[in-house]
């Protein structure tokens, strides 16, 4: 019995940690020029660190343990379905359906699978303050990473390879508003998610300042 439990947890561990070797698709879409690009697992780590940091400095009265578990698990579907982006032409409904099936498969060996699936569903539904906080951390972390890549000159909105991306309707609207970098596009596209003023303020700071100087 003991060995069965060990084998089950290791089976899940080995499957879940495949995300350490899966690159975030968004950076491929934007034709990033960098020897090493962020993995999905690194993004997950970043979201957790960001959540802990914001909770420390602004005390927004959330269950940070619950938030961190949501953030650790929220990309688990990508083991099976990959990191789908808006450019993949998959609707939110389609992604939700195949994502739910993938989550159930990945968590199937764990005794607490029902509890974890419920937390992932809570995250997706964004109906609790923890889910909303976690979703904002998820988006903000991507915005920060994009800004850092822009400051490293790894992503250039004017690269010939990115011309087709600029034809996207959402990007066209942002360009017409005067946004000039890929980081600007990321931040402004996500702005509607930042319903908590603290997150909006952080997004503004990211957009207006050189983050590499803070290192």
N, C-alpha and C. Protein backbone atom coordinates (compact mmCIF):
# COMPACT_ATOMS: atom_id res chain seq x y z
N UNK A 1 0.84 -1.21 0.00
CA UNK A 1 0.00 0.00 0.00
C UNK A 1 0.87 1.26 0.00
N UNK A 2 1.92 1.23 0.85
CA UNK A 2 2.81 2.39 0.92
C UNK A 2 3.48 2.63 -0.42
N UNK A 3 3.96 1.56 -1.06
CA UNK A 3 4.63 1.70 -2.35
C UNK A 3 3.68 2.21 -3.43
N UNK A 4 2.41 1.80 -3.33
CA UNK A 4 1.42 2.27 -4.29
C UNK A 4 1.28 3.79 -4.22
N UNK A 5 1.21 4.31 -3.01
CA UNK A 5 1.08 5.76 -2.82
C UNK A 5 2.33 6.49 -3.32
N UNK A 6 3.49 5.91 -3.04
CA UNK A 6 4.74 6.52 -3.51
C UNK A 6 4.77 6.55 -5.03
N UNK A 7 4.38 5.44 -5.63
CA UNK A 7 4.37 5.37 -7.09
C UNK A 7 3.38 6.36 -7.70
N UNK A 8 2.21 6.53 -7.06
CA UNK A 8 1.20 7.48 -7.55
C UNK A 8 1.70 8.91 -7.49
N UNK A 9 2.31 9.28 -6.36
CA UNK A 9 2.77 10.66 -6.24
C UNK A 9 3.94 10.93 -7.18
N UNK A 10 4.80 9.91 -7.38
CA UNK A 10 5.92 10.09 -8.30
C UNK A 10 5.45 10.15 -9.75
N UNK A 11 4.41 9.40 -10.04
CA UNK A 11 3.83 9.43 -11.38
C UNK A 11 3.33 10.84 -11.70
N UNK A 12 2.63 11.43 -10.73
CA UNK A 12 2.15 12.80 -10.91
C UNK A 12 3.31 13.78 -11.00
N UNK A 13 4.28 13.62 -10.12
CA UNK A 13 5.44 14.53 -10.11
C UNK A 13 6.16 14.51 -11.46
N UNK A 14 6.41 13.33 -11.97
CA UNK A 14 7.15 13.21 -13.24
C UNK A 14 6.37 13.82 -14.40
N UNK A 15 5.06 13.66 -14.35
CA UNK A 15 4.21 14.22 -15.40
C UNK A 15 4.17 15.75 -15.29
N UNK A 16 3.91 16.25 -14.08
CA UNK A 16 3.76 17.69 -13.88
C UNK A 16 5.05 18.45 -14.16
N UNK A 17 6.18 17.87 -13.82
CA UNK A 17 7.44 18.58 -14.00
C UNK A 17 7.94 18.56 -15.44
N UNK A 18 7.18 17.97 -16.34
CA UNK A 18 7.47 18.13 -17.77
C UNK A 18 7.36 19.59 -18.18
N UNK A 19 6.64 20.36 -17.38
CA UNK A 19 6.48 21.79 -17.68
C UNK A 19 7.81 22.55 -17.55
N UNK A 20 8.80 21.94 -16.90
CA UNK A 20 10.11 22.58 -16.82
C UNK A 20 10.78 22.66 -18.19
N UNK A 21 10.36 21.78 -19.08
CA UNK A 21 10.99 21.72 -20.40
C UNK A 21 10.10 22.25 -21.52
N UNK A 22 8.93 22.76 -21.17
CA UNK A 22 8.02 23.30 -22.18
C UNK A 22 8.10 24.82 -22.20
N UNK A 23 8.47 25.38 -23.33
CA UNK A 23 8.64 26.83 -23.46
C UNK A 23 7.28 27.52 -23.61
N UNK A 24 7.15 28.68 -23.02
CA UNK A 24 5.93 29.48 -23.15
C UNK A 24 5.73 29.87 -24.62
N UNK A 25 4.58 29.50 -25.16
CA UNK A 25 4.33 29.67 -26.59
C UNK A 25 4.31 31.12 -27.04
N UNK A 26 3.89 32.02 -26.17
CA UNK A 26 3.79 33.43 -26.54
C UNK A 26 5.11 34.00 -27.02
N UNK A 27 6.21 33.55 -26.43
CA UNK A 27 7.52 34.07 -26.83
C UNK A 27 7.90 33.53 -28.20
N UNK A 28 7.48 32.30 -28.52
CA UNK A 28 7.72 31.77 -29.86
C UNK A 28 6.91 32.54 -30.89
N UNK A 29 5.67 32.87 -30.53
CA UNK A 29 4.79 33.61 -31.43
C UNK A 29 5.42 34.93 -31.83
N UNK A 30 6.06 35.61 -30.86
CA UNK A 30 6.66 36.92 -31.11
C UNK A 30 8.11 36.81 -31.58
N UNK A 31 8.53 35.58 -31.93
CA UNK A 31 9.85 35.36 -32.52
C UNK A 31 10.98 35.96 -31.67
N UNK A 32 10.95 35.61 -30.39
CA UNK A 32 11.95 36.12 -29.46
C UNK A 32 13.35 35.66 -29.87
N UNK A 33 14.31 36.55 -29.75
CA UNK A 33 15.70 36.23 -30.06
C UNK A 33 16.48 36.15 -28.76
N UNK A 34 16.55 34.96 -28.21
CA UNK A 34 17.22 34.77 -26.93
C UNK A 34 17.67 33.32 -26.84
N UNK A 35 18.87 33.10 -26.32
CA UNK A 35 19.39 31.73 -26.25
C UNK A 35 18.52 30.86 -25.36
N UNK A 36 18.04 31.40 -24.26
CA UNK A 36 17.22 30.64 -23.33
C UNK A 36 15.93 31.41 -23.07
N UNK A 37 14.79 30.75 -23.28
CA UNK A 37 13.49 31.39 -23.13
C UNK A 37 12.73 30.74 -21.98
N UNK A 38 11.90 31.52 -21.32
CA UNK A 38 11.15 31.08 -20.14
C UNK A 38 10.31 29.83 -20.41
N UNK A 39 10.37 28.89 -19.48
CA UNK A 39 9.52 27.70 -19.55
C UNK A 39 8.19 27.97 -18.83
N UNK A 40 7.24 27.08 -19.02
CA UNK A 40 5.95 27.21 -18.33
C UNK A 40 6.15 27.11 -16.83
N UNK A 41 7.02 26.21 -16.40
CA UNK A 41 7.28 26.04 -14.96
C UNK A 41 7.88 27.31 -14.35
N UNK A 42 8.74 27.99 -15.11
CA UNK A 42 9.33 29.23 -14.61
C UNK A 42 8.27 30.33 -14.49
N UNK A 43 7.35 30.34 -15.43
CA UNK A 43 6.23 31.29 -15.34
C UNK A 43 5.41 31.02 -14.08
N UNK A 44 5.14 29.76 -13.80
CA UNK A 44 4.37 29.39 -12.61
C UNK A 44 5.09 29.86 -11.35
N UNK A 45 6.40 29.61 -11.29
CA UNK A 45 7.19 30.07 -10.14
C UNK A 45 7.09 31.59 -10.00
N UNK A 46 7.19 32.29 -11.14
CA UNK A 46 7.10 33.74 -11.12
C UNK A 46 5.77 34.24 -10.59
N UNK A 47 4.68 33.58 -10.97
CA UNK A 47 3.36 34.00 -10.49
C UNK A 47 3.26 33.83 -8.98
N UNK A 48 3.83 32.75 -8.46
CA UNK A 48 3.78 32.51 -7.01
C UNK A 48 4.60 33.54 -6.25
N UNK A 49 5.80 33.84 -6.73
CA UNK A 49 6.64 34.85 -6.10
C UNK A 49 5.96 36.21 -6.13
N UNK A 50 5.34 36.53 -7.26
CA UNK A 50 4.64 37.80 -7.39
C UNK A 50 3.47 37.88 -6.40
N UNK A 51 2.71 36.80 -6.29
CA UNK A 51 1.57 36.76 -5.36
C UNK A 51 2.03 36.97 -3.92
N UNK A 52 3.08 36.27 -3.53
CA UNK A 52 3.62 36.40 -2.17
C UNK A 52 4.10 37.83 -1.91
N UNK A 53 4.76 38.42 -2.91
CA UNK A 53 5.29 39.77 -2.77
C UNK A 53 4.18 40.81 -2.61
N UNK A 54 3.15 40.69 -3.46
CA UNK A 54 2.04 41.65 -3.39
C UNK A 54 1.28 41.49 -2.09
N UNK A 55 1.06 40.24 -1.67
CA UNK A 55 0.37 39.99 -0.41
C UNK A 55 1.15 40.57 0.76
N UNK A 56 2.47 40.49 0.70
CA UNK A 56 3.31 41.04 1.77
C UNK A 56 3.21 42.55 1.87
N UNK A 57 3.28 43.23 0.72
CA UNK A 57 3.38 44.68 0.73
C UNK A 57 2.05 45.41 0.78
N UNK A 58 0.99 44.78 0.33
CA UNK A 58 -0.29 45.49 0.25
C UNK A 58 -1.43 44.85 1.06
N UNK A 59 -1.24 43.64 1.57
CA UNK A 59 -2.21 43.01 2.46
C UNK A 59 -3.63 43.17 1.94
N UNK A 60 -3.92 42.49 0.87
CA UNK A 60 -5.24 42.59 0.23
C UNK A 60 -6.26 41.59 0.78
N UNK A 61 -5.92 40.99 1.91
CA UNK A 61 -6.87 40.14 2.63
C UNK A 61 -7.32 38.94 1.81
N UNK A 62 -6.33 38.21 1.28
CA UNK A 62 -6.64 36.97 0.58
C UNK A 62 -5.98 35.81 1.30
N UNK A 63 -6.49 34.61 1.07
CA UNK A 63 -5.87 33.39 1.59
C UNK A 63 -4.71 33.07 0.65
N UNK A 64 -3.51 33.50 1.01
CA UNK A 64 -2.37 33.40 0.11
C UNK A 64 -2.01 31.94 -0.15
N UNK A 65 -2.24 31.06 0.81
CA UNK A 65 -1.96 29.63 0.59
C UNK A 65 -2.84 29.11 -0.54
N UNK A 66 -4.11 29.45 -0.50
CA UNK A 66 -5.04 29.02 -1.54
C UNK A 66 -4.65 29.61 -2.89
N UNK A 67 -4.25 30.87 -2.89
CA UNK A 67 -3.81 31.54 -4.12
C UNK A 67 -2.62 30.81 -4.74
N UNK A 68 -1.63 30.49 -3.91
CA UNK A 68 -0.42 29.83 -4.41
C UNK A 68 -0.73 28.46 -4.98
N UNK A 69 -1.60 27.69 -4.31
CA UNK A 69 -1.98 26.38 -4.84
C UNK A 69 -2.66 26.54 -6.20
N UNK A 70 -3.54 27.53 -6.33
CA UNK A 70 -4.19 27.80 -7.62
C UNK A 70 -3.15 28.09 -8.69
N UNK A 71 -2.19 28.93 -8.35
CA UNK A 71 -1.18 29.33 -9.32
C UNK A 71 -0.27 28.17 -9.70
N UNK A 72 0.04 27.32 -8.74
CA UNK A 72 0.87 26.15 -9.04
C UNK A 72 0.15 25.20 -10.01
N UNK A 73 -1.16 25.09 -9.85
CA UNK A 73 -1.92 24.12 -10.64
C UNK A 73 -2.56 24.69 -11.91
N UNK A 74 -2.59 26.01 -12.05
CA UNK A 74 -3.44 26.59 -13.09
C UNK A 74 -2.99 26.31 -14.52
N UNK A 75 -1.70 25.94 -14.70
CA UNK A 75 -1.22 25.63 -16.05
C UNK A 75 -1.06 24.12 -16.27
N UNK A 76 -1.56 23.32 -15.34
CA UNK A 76 -1.30 21.88 -15.39
C UNK A 76 -1.88 21.23 -16.66
N UNK A 77 -2.92 21.84 -17.21
CA UNK A 77 -3.52 21.32 -18.44
C UNK A 77 -2.55 21.36 -19.61
N UNK A 78 -1.57 22.26 -19.55
CA UNK A 78 -0.67 22.46 -20.67
C UNK A 78 0.30 21.30 -20.88
N UNK A 79 0.38 20.41 -19.91
CA UNK A 79 1.14 19.17 -20.10
C UNK A 79 0.55 18.39 -21.27
N UNK A 80 -0.77 18.41 -21.37
CA UNK A 80 -1.47 17.64 -22.41
C UNK A 80 -1.80 18.45 -23.65
N UNK A 81 -2.24 19.71 -23.47
CA UNK A 81 -2.77 20.47 -24.62
C UNK A 81 -1.80 21.54 -25.12
N UNK A 82 -0.69 21.73 -24.40
CA UNK A 82 0.25 22.77 -24.79
C UNK A 82 -0.20 24.15 -24.33
N UNK A 83 0.66 25.13 -24.56
CA UNK A 83 0.40 26.51 -24.15
C UNK A 83 -0.30 27.25 -25.30
N UNK A 84 -1.62 27.17 -25.32
CA UNK A 84 -2.39 27.80 -26.40
C UNK A 84 -2.43 29.31 -26.22
N UNK A 85 -2.27 30.04 -27.31
CA UNK A 85 -2.32 31.49 -27.28
C UNK A 85 -3.53 31.96 -28.08
N UNK A 86 -3.91 33.23 -27.95
CA UNK A 86 -5.03 33.76 -28.74
C UNK A 86 -4.82 33.62 -30.25
N UNK A 87 -3.57 33.49 -30.67
CA UNK A 87 -3.28 33.36 -32.10
C UNK A 87 -3.52 31.95 -32.62
N UNK A 88 -3.83 31.01 -31.72
CA UNK A 88 -4.09 29.63 -32.13
C UNK A 88 -5.53 29.42 -32.61
N UNK A 89 -6.33 30.48 -32.54
CA UNK A 89 -7.71 30.44 -33.03
C UNK A 89 -8.56 29.38 -32.33
N UNK A 90 -8.27 29.16 -31.06
CA UNK A 90 -9.09 28.27 -30.24
C UNK A 90 -9.96 29.14 -29.34
N UNK A 91 -11.27 28.93 -29.37
CA UNK A 91 -12.17 29.75 -28.56
C UNK A 91 -11.98 29.45 -27.08
N UNK A 92 -12.41 30.39 -26.23
CA UNK A 92 -12.32 30.17 -24.78
C UNK A 92 -13.10 28.93 -24.37
N UNK A 93 -14.25 28.72 -25.01
CA UNK A 93 -15.09 27.57 -24.69
C UNK A 93 -14.38 26.26 -25.06
N UNK A 94 -13.75 26.24 -26.23
CA UNK A 94 -13.01 25.05 -26.66
C UNK A 94 -11.82 24.77 -25.74
N UNK A 95 -11.10 25.83 -25.42
CA UNK A 95 -9.93 25.67 -24.54
C UNK A 95 -10.36 25.18 -23.16
N UNK A 96 -11.46 25.70 -22.67
CA UNK A 96 -11.97 25.30 -21.35
C UNK A 96 -12.33 23.81 -21.35
N UNK A 97 -12.96 23.37 -22.44
CA UNK A 97 -13.41 21.98 -22.53
C UNK A 97 -12.23 21.01 -22.59
N UNK A 98 -11.29 21.27 -23.49
CA UNK A 98 -10.15 20.36 -23.60
C UNK A 98 -9.22 20.48 -22.41
N UNK A 99 -9.18 21.69 -21.82
CA UNK A 99 -8.35 21.91 -20.64
C UNK A 99 -8.86 21.13 -19.44
N UNK A 100 -10.17 21.11 -19.28
CA UNK A 100 -10.77 20.38 -18.15
C UNK A 100 -10.48 18.89 -18.26
N UNK A 101 -10.59 18.36 -19.46
CA UNK A 101 -10.30 16.94 -19.67
C UNK A 101 -8.84 16.64 -19.37
N UNK A 102 -7.95 17.54 -19.81
CA UNK A 102 -6.52 17.36 -19.57
C UNK A 102 -6.20 17.39 -18.08
N UNK A 103 -6.81 18.33 -17.35
CA UNK A 103 -6.60 18.43 -15.91
C UNK A 103 -7.00 17.15 -15.20
N UNK A 104 -8.15 16.61 -15.57
CA UNK A 104 -8.63 15.37 -14.96
C UNK A 104 -7.67 14.21 -15.21
N UNK A 105 -7.08 14.17 -16.39
CA UNK A 105 -6.12 13.11 -16.72
C UNK A 105 -4.84 13.26 -15.90
N UNK A 106 -4.33 14.46 -15.82
CA UNK A 106 -3.07 14.70 -15.13
C UNK A 106 -3.19 14.43 -13.63
N UNK A 107 -4.33 14.81 -13.04
CA UNK A 107 -4.52 14.67 -11.60
C UNK A 107 -5.11 13.31 -11.20
N UNK A 108 -5.36 12.45 -12.15
CA UNK A 108 -6.13 11.22 -11.90
C UNK A 108 -5.50 10.30 -10.86
N UNK A 109 -4.19 10.36 -10.66
CA UNK A 109 -3.54 9.43 -9.73
C UNK A 109 -3.58 9.93 -8.28
N UNK A 110 -3.94 11.18 -8.07
CA UNK A 110 -3.87 11.76 -6.73
C UNK A 110 -5.15 11.57 -5.93
N UNK A 111 -5.02 11.30 -4.64
CA UNK A 111 -6.19 11.14 -3.77
C UNK A 111 -6.97 12.45 -3.64
N UNK A 112 -6.27 13.59 -3.72
CA UNK A 112 -6.92 14.89 -3.56
C UNK A 112 -7.29 15.52 -4.91
N UNK A 113 -7.45 14.67 -5.93
CA UNK A 113 -7.71 15.20 -7.27
C UNK A 113 -8.98 16.05 -7.33
N UNK A 114 -10.03 15.64 -6.64
CA UNK A 114 -11.29 16.39 -6.67
C UNK A 114 -11.09 17.78 -6.08
N UNK A 115 -10.38 17.85 -4.96
CA UNK A 115 -10.11 19.13 -4.31
C UNK A 115 -9.30 20.05 -5.24
N UNK A 116 -8.32 19.49 -5.91
CA UNK A 116 -7.47 20.29 -6.80
C UNK A 116 -8.23 20.73 -8.05
N UNK A 117 -9.05 19.85 -8.57
CA UNK A 117 -9.86 20.21 -9.74
C UNK A 117 -10.81 21.34 -9.40
N UNK A 118 -11.38 21.30 -8.20
CA UNK A 118 -12.28 22.36 -7.76
C UNK A 118 -11.54 23.70 -7.65
N UNK A 119 -10.29 23.67 -7.19
CA UNK A 119 -9.50 24.90 -7.09
C UNK A 119 -9.19 25.47 -8.48
N UNK A 120 -8.90 24.59 -9.43
CA UNK A 120 -8.64 25.04 -10.79
C UNK A 120 -9.90 25.64 -11.40
N UNK A 121 -11.05 25.02 -11.15
CA UNK A 121 -12.32 25.55 -11.64
C UNK A 121 -12.62 26.91 -11.01
N UNK A 122 -12.31 27.03 -9.73
CA UNK A 122 -12.50 28.31 -9.03
C UNK A 122 -11.63 29.39 -9.68
N UNK A 123 -10.40 29.03 -10.00
CA UNK A 123 -9.49 29.97 -10.66
C UNK A 123 -10.07 30.40 -12.01
N UNK A 124 -10.56 29.45 -12.78
CA UNK A 124 -11.08 29.75 -14.11
C UNK A 124 -12.35 30.61 -14.05
N UNK A 125 -13.19 30.36 -13.04
CA UNK A 125 -14.46 31.09 -12.94
C UNK A 125 -14.29 32.50 -12.41
N UNK A 126 -13.21 32.76 -11.69
CA UNK A 126 -12.91 34.10 -11.14
C UNK A 126 -14.10 34.68 -10.35
N UNK A 127 -14.65 33.86 -9.48
CA UNK A 127 -15.80 34.31 -8.69
C UNK A 127 -15.46 34.55 -7.23
N UNK A 128 -14.22 34.27 -6.83
CA UNK A 128 -13.79 34.52 -5.45
C UNK A 128 -12.62 35.50 -5.48
N UNK A 129 -12.38 36.13 -4.33
CA UNK A 129 -11.29 37.12 -4.29
C UNK A 129 -9.93 36.46 -4.51
N UNK A 130 -9.79 35.19 -4.06
CA UNK A 130 -8.53 34.48 -4.29
C UNK A 130 -8.32 34.17 -5.78
N UNK A 131 -9.39 33.76 -6.45
CA UNK A 131 -9.29 33.46 -7.88
C UNK A 131 -8.97 34.71 -8.69
N UNK A 132 -9.61 35.81 -8.34
CA UNK A 132 -9.37 37.08 -9.04
C UNK A 132 -7.93 37.54 -8.80
N UNK A 133 -7.48 37.45 -7.56
CA UNK A 133 -6.10 37.81 -7.21
C UNK A 133 -5.11 36.95 -8.01
N UNK A 134 -5.37 35.64 -8.04
CA UNK A 134 -4.48 34.71 -8.75
C UNK A 134 -4.45 35.01 -10.25
N UNK A 135 -5.61 35.28 -10.83
CA UNK A 135 -5.68 35.59 -12.26
C UNK A 135 -4.89 36.86 -12.58
N UNK A 136 -5.00 37.88 -11.72
CA UNK A 136 -4.26 39.11 -11.93
C UNK A 136 -2.76 38.87 -11.83
N UNK A 137 -2.34 38.02 -10.90
CA UNK A 137 -0.92 37.67 -10.78
C UNK A 137 -0.43 36.95 -12.03
N UNK A 138 -1.26 36.07 -12.55
CA UNK A 138 -0.92 35.32 -13.76
C UNK A 138 -0.66 36.27 -14.93
N UNK A 139 -1.54 37.22 -15.13
CA UNK A 139 -1.39 38.18 -16.23
C UNK A 139 -0.23 39.15 -15.99
N UNK A 140 -0.13 39.63 -14.75
CA UNK A 140 0.90 40.63 -14.44
C UNK A 140 2.30 40.04 -14.58
N UNK A 141 2.46 38.78 -14.21
CA UNK A 141 3.77 38.14 -14.34
C UNK A 141 4.20 38.08 -15.80
N UNK A 142 3.25 37.77 -16.68
CA UNK A 142 3.55 37.74 -18.11
C UNK A 142 3.92 39.13 -18.62
N UNK A 143 3.23 40.14 -18.11
CA UNK A 143 3.54 41.52 -18.51
C UNK A 143 4.95 41.92 -18.06
N UNK A 144 5.31 41.53 -16.84
CA UNK A 144 6.65 41.83 -16.33
C UNK A 144 7.71 41.15 -17.18
N UNK A 145 7.49 39.86 -17.48
CA UNK A 145 8.46 39.12 -18.27
C UNK A 145 8.62 39.70 -19.67
N UNK A 146 7.50 40.11 -20.25
CA UNK A 146 7.57 40.72 -21.58
C UNK A 146 8.36 42.03 -21.54
N UNK A 147 8.14 42.83 -20.50
CA UNK A 147 8.87 44.09 -20.37
C UNK A 147 10.38 43.82 -20.23
N UNK A 148 10.73 42.81 -19.46
CA UNK A 148 12.15 42.47 -19.30
C UNK A 148 12.76 42.03 -20.63
N UNK A 149 12.04 41.22 -21.39
CA UNK A 149 12.55 40.80 -22.69
C UNK A 149 12.69 41.99 -23.64
N UNK A 150 11.75 42.92 -23.56
CA UNK A 150 11.86 44.13 -24.39
C UNK A 150 13.08 44.95 -24.00
N UNK A 151 13.33 45.07 -22.70
CA UNK A 151 14.50 45.83 -22.24
C UNK A 151 15.80 45.14 -22.64
N UNK A 152 15.77 43.82 -22.79
CA UNK A 152 16.95 43.07 -23.24
C UNK A 152 17.08 43.09 -24.76
N UNK A 153 16.11 43.74 -25.42
CA UNK A 153 16.08 43.79 -26.89
C UNK A 153 15.93 42.41 -27.52
N UNK A 154 15.18 41.55 -26.83
CA UNK A 154 14.93 40.20 -27.35
C UNK A 154 13.68 40.15 -28.23
N UNK A 155 12.76 41.08 -28.00
CA UNK A 155 11.52 41.13 -28.77
C UNK A 155 11.42 42.50 -29.44
N UNK A 156 11.20 42.48 -30.74
CA UNK A 156 11.08 43.73 -31.48
C UNK A 156 9.78 43.70 -32.27
N UNK A 157 8.90 44.64 -31.96
CA UNK A 157 7.59 44.70 -32.62
C UNK A 157 7.74 44.94 -34.12
N UNK A 158 8.87 45.52 -34.53
CA UNK A 158 9.07 45.89 -35.94
C UNK A 158 9.80 44.83 -36.75
N UNK A 159 10.11 43.68 -36.15
CA UNK A 159 10.76 42.61 -36.91
C UNK A 159 9.85 42.15 -38.04
N UNK A 160 10.45 41.87 -39.19
CA UNK A 160 9.69 41.44 -40.36
C UNK A 160 8.84 40.20 -40.04
N UNK A 161 9.40 39.30 -39.23
CA UNK A 161 8.68 38.06 -38.89
C UNK A 161 7.40 38.32 -38.10
N UNK A 162 7.28 39.52 -37.51
CA UNK A 162 6.10 39.84 -36.68
C UNK A 162 5.04 40.65 -37.43
N UNK A 163 5.28 40.92 -38.70
CA UNK A 163 4.35 41.75 -39.46
C UNK A 163 2.93 41.18 -39.45
N UNK A 164 2.81 39.85 -39.59
CA UNK A 164 1.47 39.25 -39.64
C UNK A 164 0.73 39.39 -38.32
N UNK A 165 1.47 39.47 -37.21
CA UNK A 165 0.84 39.61 -35.89
C UNK A 165 0.17 40.98 -35.76
N UNK A 166 0.77 41.96 -36.38
CA UNK A 166 0.26 43.33 -36.27
C UNK A 166 -1.06 43.52 -37.00
N UNK A 167 -1.46 42.51 -37.78
CA UNK A 167 -2.74 42.57 -38.49
C UNK A 167 -3.90 42.14 -37.60
N UNK A 168 -3.57 41.55 -36.44
CA UNK A 168 -4.62 41.11 -35.50
C UNK A 168 -5.46 42.32 -35.07
N UNK A 169 -6.76 42.14 -35.01
CA UNK A 169 -7.68 43.25 -34.71
C UNK A 169 -7.39 43.89 -33.36
N UNK A 170 -7.12 43.09 -32.34
CA UNK A 170 -6.84 43.63 -31.01
C UNK A 170 -5.55 44.45 -31.01
N UNK A 171 -4.54 43.93 -31.70
CA UNK A 171 -3.27 44.63 -31.76
C UNK A 171 -3.40 45.92 -32.55
N UNK A 172 -4.18 45.88 -33.63
CA UNK A 172 -4.43 47.09 -34.43
C UNK A 172 -5.02 48.21 -33.57
N UNK A 173 -5.99 47.86 -32.73
CA UNK A 173 -6.63 48.86 -31.86
C UNK A 173 -5.63 49.47 -30.89
N UNK A 174 -4.75 48.63 -30.35
CA UNK A 174 -3.76 49.12 -29.39
C UNK A 174 -2.72 50.00 -30.08
N UNK A 175 -2.33 49.60 -31.28
CA UNK A 175 -1.36 50.41 -32.03
C UNK A 175 -1.94 51.78 -32.37
N UNK A 176 -3.22 51.79 -32.68
CA UNK A 176 -3.90 53.05 -33.01
C UNK A 176 -3.96 53.98 -31.80
N UNK A 177 -3.90 53.40 -30.60
CA UNK A 177 -3.90 54.19 -29.37
C UNK A 177 -2.50 54.71 -29.02
N UNK A 178 -1.51 54.29 -29.79
CA UNK A 178 -0.16 54.81 -29.58
C UNK A 178 0.80 53.87 -28.89
N UNK A 179 0.40 52.62 -28.63
CA UNK A 179 1.32 51.67 -27.99
C UNK A 179 2.44 51.32 -28.96
N UNK A 180 3.69 51.24 -28.46
CA UNK A 180 4.83 51.14 -29.36
C UNK A 180 5.67 49.88 -29.20
N UNK A 181 5.54 49.17 -28.07
CA UNK A 181 6.35 47.97 -27.85
C UNK A 181 5.45 46.78 -27.59
N UNK A 182 6.03 45.58 -27.68
CA UNK A 182 5.26 44.38 -27.38
C UNK A 182 4.83 44.39 -25.91
N UNK A 183 5.69 44.91 -25.03
CA UNK A 183 5.32 45.01 -23.61
C UNK A 183 4.12 45.93 -23.42
N UNK A 184 4.09 47.04 -24.16
CA UNK A 184 2.93 47.94 -24.11
C UNK A 184 1.67 47.19 -24.51
N UNK A 185 1.77 46.39 -25.56
CA UNK A 185 0.61 45.63 -26.05
C UNK A 185 0.13 44.64 -24.99
N UNK A 186 1.08 43.94 -24.37
CA UNK A 186 0.73 42.98 -23.31
C UNK A 186 0.00 43.68 -22.17
N UNK A 187 0.58 44.76 -21.68
CA UNK A 187 0.02 45.46 -20.52
C UNK A 187 -1.36 46.02 -20.81
N UNK A 188 -1.51 46.68 -21.94
CA UNK A 188 -2.80 47.30 -22.26
C UNK A 188 -3.87 46.25 -22.59
N UNK A 189 -3.45 45.14 -23.17
CA UNK A 189 -4.41 44.06 -23.45
C UNK A 189 -4.94 43.44 -22.16
N UNK A 190 -4.10 43.43 -21.12
CA UNK A 190 -4.48 42.82 -19.85
C UNK A 190 -5.10 43.81 -18.87
N UNK A 191 -5.09 45.08 -19.19
CA UNK A 191 -5.49 46.10 -18.23
C UNK A 191 -6.89 45.86 -17.65
N UNK A 192 -7.81 45.38 -18.46
CA UNK A 192 -9.19 45.17 -17.97
C UNK A 192 -9.26 44.10 -16.89
N UNK A 193 -8.22 43.26 -16.81
CA UNK A 193 -8.17 42.22 -15.78
C UNK A 193 -7.85 42.82 -14.41
N UNK A 194 -7.13 43.95 -14.40
CA UNK A 194 -6.63 44.53 -13.16
C UNK A 194 -7.71 45.36 -12.46
N UNK A 195 -8.65 44.68 -11.89
CA UNK A 195 -9.76 45.34 -11.19
C UNK A 195 -9.35 45.87 -9.82
N UNK A 196 -8.24 45.37 -9.30
CA UNK A 196 -7.70 45.86 -8.03
C UNK A 196 -6.69 46.96 -8.34
N UNK A 197 -6.86 48.12 -7.73
CA UNK A 197 -6.03 49.30 -8.03
C UNK A 197 -4.54 49.02 -7.89
N UNK A 198 -4.18 48.22 -6.91
CA UNK A 198 -2.77 47.90 -6.70
C UNK A 198 -2.16 47.29 -7.97
N UNK A 199 -2.87 46.40 -8.60
CA UNK A 199 -2.37 45.75 -9.80
C UNK A 199 -2.26 46.74 -10.96
N UNK A 200 -3.22 47.62 -11.06
CA UNK A 200 -3.16 48.64 -12.11
C UNK A 200 -1.96 49.56 -11.90
N UNK A 201 -1.70 49.91 -10.64
CA UNK A 201 -0.56 50.75 -10.33
C UNK A 201 0.76 50.06 -10.68
N UNK A 202 0.84 48.77 -10.38
CA UNK A 202 2.05 48.01 -10.70
C UNK A 202 2.23 47.94 -12.21
N UNK A 203 1.13 47.70 -12.93
CA UNK A 203 1.20 47.64 -14.40
C UNK A 203 1.69 48.97 -14.97
N UNK A 204 1.21 50.07 -14.42
CA UNK A 204 1.65 51.40 -14.87
C UNK A 204 3.14 51.59 -14.61
N UNK A 205 3.58 51.15 -13.44
CA UNK A 205 5.01 51.30 -13.11
C UNK A 205 5.86 50.48 -14.07
N UNK A 206 5.43 49.26 -14.34
CA UNK A 206 6.17 48.39 -15.27
C UNK A 206 6.29 49.06 -16.63
N UNK A 207 5.19 49.63 -17.09
CA UNK A 207 5.16 50.24 -18.41
C UNK A 207 6.07 51.47 -18.50
N UNK A 208 6.14 52.23 -17.42
CA UNK A 208 6.81 53.54 -17.46
C UNK A 208 8.26 53.54 -16.98
N UNK A 209 8.72 52.41 -16.46
CA UNK A 209 10.06 52.39 -15.85
C UNK A 209 10.92 51.26 -16.38
N UNK A 210 12.24 51.44 -16.21
CA UNK A 210 13.22 50.44 -16.61
C UNK A 210 13.38 49.43 -15.47
N UNK A 211 12.89 48.22 -15.66
CA UNK A 211 12.90 47.22 -14.58
C UNK A 211 14.30 46.67 -14.33
N UNK A 212 15.12 46.59 -15.37
CA UNK A 212 16.47 46.02 -15.19
C UNK A 212 17.30 46.85 -14.22
N UNK A 213 16.97 48.13 -14.08
CA UNK A 213 17.70 48.99 -13.14
C UNK A 213 17.43 48.61 -11.69
N UNK A 214 16.37 47.87 -11.46
CA UNK A 214 16.01 47.47 -10.09
C UNK A 214 16.80 46.26 -9.62
N UNK A 215 17.48 45.62 -10.54
CA UNK A 215 18.25 44.41 -10.14
C UNK A 215 19.49 44.78 -9.37
